[in-house]
Each structure stands twice: as C-alpha cells, then as structure tokens.
Amino acid sequence: MLRRLSDGRFHSGETLADEFGLSRSSIFNVVAQAESMGLTIHAVRGRGYRLPEPIEWLDGGAVARHLGEAASAYTIHILDSVDSTNTALMAAALNGAVDGTLFCSEHQQSGKGRRGRQWHSVPGGSLTFSVLWRFDNGLQSLAGLSLAVGLAIARAVNRHSRHPARLKWPNDVLVDYRKLAGILVEVQGDMNGAAFAVVGIGLNVRLNEAQRDAVDQAVVDLAEMGVTVGRNRLLADCLQELHSVLALFRQHGFAALRSDWLALDAYAGKPVALSLPDARKVQGVAAGVDEIGAFLLRDATSGLIPYSGGEVSLRLDAGR
C-alpha cells in the first residue's frame, strides 16, 4: 500500500480497500502503522491518502543494473521489513550463505548500532543493508575492516556530494562533524582458519524531525546535503566501492588503504578524549591510525600510543 501511496496522488480509502481486499478500518490501521514506522502520510477528507514525498523503493534488478560487472560479486536480497539486517544475515551465514550475500531492508524493527545502541531508520528515508564476506586467513586478518568499510561508504557518498564526507575512527562517516552513516561489523570463526564478517551499514537519506530527536548525537542526511541521487543508484555505488576496497583488503590488509583513510580523517590534529572499554578516559591529540587500523593518540609528552578499542569524542577546548 505504501508503494501505491508514493506516486504523489491521493487514493481514497474505498479504492485502497477494494484494491487490497481489506476493510476501510483495516486501511486506516495500516496508515496508523506506517506512521508509527516514522512515515508522514497526508490524509484529506474526501480525497484520501498519499505520501507527501515520492519514494524510490529498492529494487534488486535496478541495483544489479547500476552495478554492472560488479553485480556478479553479490547475491542481492531486498526485504520489506526485518528485525535487523545484521541479525538476519548472521543467521543466514551460519546456515551456509555464500560470500557476497546482501540483505537490504526498507524497514528495520530493531536496527543494531554499535555498543548495543539502536539504529533508527524509516522506510524510504534510509539505506540499511548488510553484506557477508568470508575469509580464509582467520579473524586475525580482519584488523581494520570497519575502517576499510567506512572509506568505501565515504567514497560512494562523495561521488554525489558537494559537502565532503569524512571519517571518524573506528566506524562513522561524518559531514561537518555530524553523523551521516554508521557501520557495525560482527565476526565469527577461527583465529587462523575459516572466518566470516557480517558488515552492516546504515546511511541517512532523509530523516524526519522525530527521528532526529530520537538520536543521541548530531546527525545529517543526504537530503539536507542536497544529494538527490536515487537510493538504488546509491546502494550500487556503495557496493561498487565496497567491492574495490575488499579486493585490496583481502590481498594486503588495511595497510593498503591507510593513506586514503588518513586523507579523509575528520579528527586529525584535534584534541580528543578516548573512552576506553574499562570506562577510563584518556586525552590527547588525534594522530591518525596505524597499519592495522588502531587509533593513534599523541599524549602530553608527544608520544604516540595505539588503541584498538574505545570510542572517540571531540573535546571542546575554548583555549584553542
């Protein structure tokens, strides 16, 4: 029904009820459910319902056409709704899903962010997808993978944006220090044998005010940035860049991508506070990342200290 309402025209409750074989009250309930998912629906007495903004719904065939030769690297599954693309793909991976399996969903009921946070998305207003990659050299070969993924997503966005997307260690894509996209990498396998990674990506396309209010940090979306590319083309661009990055990562690890990541580092030379997993905080100046993707902090004695776990927050320093 949402696909029908997104053509820009009003559709009466009676017409929708006839088309979908539902009662008028059921149509009303569907509209209410859609609004609870974050969509705004115009309802006008005597005219019916419509979505105020046109939505380009995801289409696996369209994505494959935009991908061109790279389409052979992916097995594309477009879902209407799922608890979490990462959770669903992790289950599929354990069931034998092949390398390059992609789950992309219009709506997530329980989208997963990093450190147990929820990822907020709305049908038509986000790109939320997960890709399965299998590796032969074990978990130890995956150091820096989330940074490599961030680089690919920033490159895809920068194909279309006048406002450059930049990177925040270890897994955020920022524009003007506001979050545009987040990455969640979940891994399983042996340290030195077969392993796999489920790489989840959430990208803000068009957020409404309720969504912005629900997020505990400053966010930005592509609409605000003036990016008008369709979601199917954008997803294909992300997948093309991921395919290119993964080829280098498989051969040479993150070291082959480090200089490109550093060129987009949003925090280079900034005073920062690093929150460690044991709840301690350390302060210093951000000095990029090393060849395995560890964060480098320059301390008060000008020494460089690598950290492979933790979370960076910009420390406001009025004196600088």
Foldseek 3Di string as FASTA:
>chain_A
DQLVQQPQAFDALVRVCVVVVHDSVVVVVVVVVQVVLPFDWDQDPPGHIHGNHHFDAADPVLLLVLLPPLSVQADEDEEAEEQEQLVVVVVVVVVPDDARYKYWYQGHNFYAAPPRDGDRDHRRFKTKMKGKHKAFFAPLLCQLVLLLLLLLLQVLLVVFFPFRWFDDPPHFIDGPNATFKGKDWDKDDGRGGIIMIIIIMMGGAHHDPVRCVVDPTGHDHVVVRVGDDHPSSSVSSSSNSSVVSVVCCNVPNQLVVQVVNVVRHPQAQAWKWWQFPVRDIDIAGWHGADSSGFTWGQHPVRDTDTHRGTHIDGDDDPVD
